[in-house]
Each structure stands twice: as C-alpha cells, then as structure tokens.
Amino acid sequence: MAMVASRAGVSGQTVSRVVNDSPRVDPATRARVEKAMGELGYRP
C-alpha cells in the first residue's frame, strides 16, 4: 500500500479510503490512486 501511495502522491490513509470505497476521496485523487494500483498490479 505504501508503494501505491508514493506512486500516486497521496497518503496511505487515502489509498485505504479508495480501497474501502469511501465517499471522502476526491474523484481526481481516486483516479490517480486507481491508476497507480493498476500500474503496480496492486490487489487489496
């Protein structure tokens, strides 16, 4: 999760919020995190 956060330029907590589908994440940030997850092959 830390690698995804670093790649997306966000905190680990933000990655956690995206993974848990929290409504507290800006759509643009969510897209950046999801892109980083895809590039790194991250699967929660």
N, C-alpha and C. Protein backbone atom coordinates (compact mmCIF):
# COMPACT_ATOMS: atom_id res chain seq x y z
N MET A 1 0.82 -1.19 0.00
CA MET A 1 0.00 0.00 0.00
C MET A 1 0.87 1.26 0.00
N ALA A 2 2.00 1.20 0.66
CA ALA A 2 2.90 2.36 0.71
C ALA A 2 3.44 2.70 -0.67
N MET A 3 3.71 1.69 -1.48
CA MET A 3 4.21 1.93 -2.83
C MET A 3 3.14 2.61 -3.68
N VAL A 4 1.90 2.18 -3.53
CA VAL A 4 0.79 2.80 -4.26
C VAL A 4 0.66 4.26 -3.84
N ALA A 5 0.71 4.51 -2.54
CA ALA A 5 0.60 5.87 -2.03
C ALA A 5 1.71 6.76 -2.58
N SER A 6 2.92 6.25 -2.56
CA SER A 6 4.06 7.01 -3.07
C SER A 6 3.90 7.31 -4.55
N ARG A 7 3.51 6.31 -5.30
CA ARG A 7 3.34 6.47 -6.75
C ARG A 7 2.25 7.49 -7.08
N ALA A 8 1.17 7.48 -6.29
CA ALA A 8 0.04 8.38 -6.55
C ALA A 8 0.22 9.74 -5.90
N GLY A 9 1.22 9.86 -5.02
CA GLY A 9 1.46 11.13 -4.34
C GLY A 9 0.43 11.44 -3.27
N VAL A 10 -0.03 10.39 -2.60
CA VAL A 10 -1.03 10.54 -1.54
C VAL A 10 -0.57 9.78 -0.30
N SER A 11 -1.35 9.87 0.76
CA SER A 11 -1.02 9.14 1.99
C SER A 11 -1.55 7.71 1.92
N GLY A 12 -1.04 6.88 2.79
CA GLY A 12 -1.53 5.52 2.89
C GLY A 12 -2.99 5.49 3.28
N GLN A 13 -3.41 6.45 4.10
CA GLN A 13 -4.81 6.53 4.51
C GLN A 13 -5.71 6.79 3.31
N THR A 14 -5.25 7.60 2.38
CA THR A 14 -6.04 7.88 1.18
C THR A 14 -6.18 6.61 0.34
N VAL A 15 -5.11 5.85 0.22
CA VAL A 15 -5.19 4.58 -0.51
C VAL A 15 -6.20 3.67 0.17
N SER A 16 -6.16 3.61 1.49
CA SER A 16 -7.11 2.80 2.24
C SER A 16 -8.54 3.25 1.98
N ARG A 17 -8.76 4.54 1.93
CA ARG A 17 -10.11 5.05 1.66
C ARG A 17 -10.58 4.65 0.27
N VAL A 18 -9.68 4.69 -0.71
CA VAL A 18 -10.05 4.28 -2.07
C VAL A 18 -10.40 2.80 -2.08
N VAL A 19 -9.57 1.98 -1.46
CA VAL A 19 -9.80 0.53 -1.41
C VAL A 19 -11.14 0.22 -0.75
N ASN A 20 -11.48 0.99 0.29
CA ASN A 20 -12.73 0.76 1.03
C ASN A 20 -13.90 1.55 0.47
N ASP A 21 -13.70 2.18 -0.70
CA ASP A 21 -14.75 2.91 -1.41
C ASP A 21 -15.38 4.02 -0.58
N SER A 22 -14.56 4.75 0.13
CA SER A 22 -15.04 5.86 0.95
C SER A 22 -15.47 7.03 0.06
N PRO A 23 -16.57 7.68 0.40
CA PRO A 23 -17.00 8.85 -0.36
C PRO A 23 -16.16 10.10 -0.06
N ARG A 24 -15.22 10.00 0.87
CA ARG A 24 -14.40 11.15 1.29
C ARG A 24 -13.20 11.41 0.37
N VAL A 25 -13.12 10.71 -0.76
CA VAL A 25 -11.97 10.87 -1.66
C VAL A 25 -12.42 11.62 -2.91
N ASP A 26 -11.68 12.66 -3.25
CA ASP A 26 -11.95 13.43 -4.46
C ASP A 26 -11.85 12.52 -5.68
N PRO A 27 -12.75 12.65 -6.65
CA PRO A 27 -12.71 11.78 -7.84
C PRO A 27 -11.37 11.79 -8.58
N ALA A 28 -10.72 12.94 -8.67
CA ALA A 28 -9.43 13.00 -9.35
C ALA A 28 -8.36 12.23 -8.57
N THR A 29 -8.41 12.33 -7.26
CA THR A 29 -7.46 11.60 -6.41
C THR A 29 -7.72 10.10 -6.51
N ARG A 30 -9.00 9.72 -6.49
CA ARG A 30 -9.37 8.31 -6.63
C ARG A 30 -8.81 7.75 -7.94
N ALA A 31 -8.94 8.51 -9.01
CA ALA A 31 -8.45 8.06 -10.31
C ALA A 31 -6.93 7.88 -10.29
N ARG A 32 -6.20 8.81 -9.65
CA ARG A 32 -4.74 8.69 -9.54
C ARG A 32 -4.35 7.44 -8.77
N VAL A 33 -5.05 7.19 -7.67
CA VAL A 33 -4.74 6.01 -6.85
C VAL A 33 -5.06 4.74 -7.63
N GLU A 34 -6.21 4.70 -8.29
CA GLU A 34 -6.57 3.51 -9.06
C GLU A 34 -5.59 3.26 -10.20
N LYS A 35 -5.11 4.33 -10.83
CA LYS A 35 -4.11 4.19 -11.89
C LYS A 35 -2.82 3.60 -11.32
N ALA A 36 -2.37 4.12 -10.18
CA ALA A 36 -1.16 3.60 -9.53
C ALA A 36 -1.33 2.14 -9.15
N MET A 37 -2.51 1.79 -8.65
CA MET A 37 -2.77 0.40 -8.28
C MET A 37 -2.66 -0.51 -9.50
N GLY A 38 -3.20 -0.05 -10.62
CA GLY A 38 -3.12 -0.84 -11.85
C GLY A 38 -1.70 -0.97 -12.36
N GLU A 39 -0.95 0.11 -12.33
CA GLU A 39 0.44 0.09 -12.80
C GLU A 39 1.31 -0.84 -11.96
N LEU A 40 1.02 -0.90 -10.67
CA LEU A 40 1.82 -1.72 -9.76
C LEU A 40 1.26 -3.13 -9.58
N GLY A 41 0.11 -3.39 -10.17
CA GLY A 41 -0.51 -4.71 -10.02
C GLY A 41 -1.00 -4.96 -8.60
N TYR A 42 -1.34 -3.88 -7.90
CA TYR A 42 -1.79 -4.00 -6.51
C TYR A 42 -3.21 -4.54 -6.45
N ARG A 43 -3.40 -5.54 -5.61
CA ARG A 43 -4.74 -6.09 -5.38
C ARG A 43 -4.96 -6.15 -3.88
N PRO A 44 -6.00 -5.47 -3.42
CA PRO A 44 -6.26 -5.46 -1.97
C PRO A 44 -6.69 -6.82 -1.44
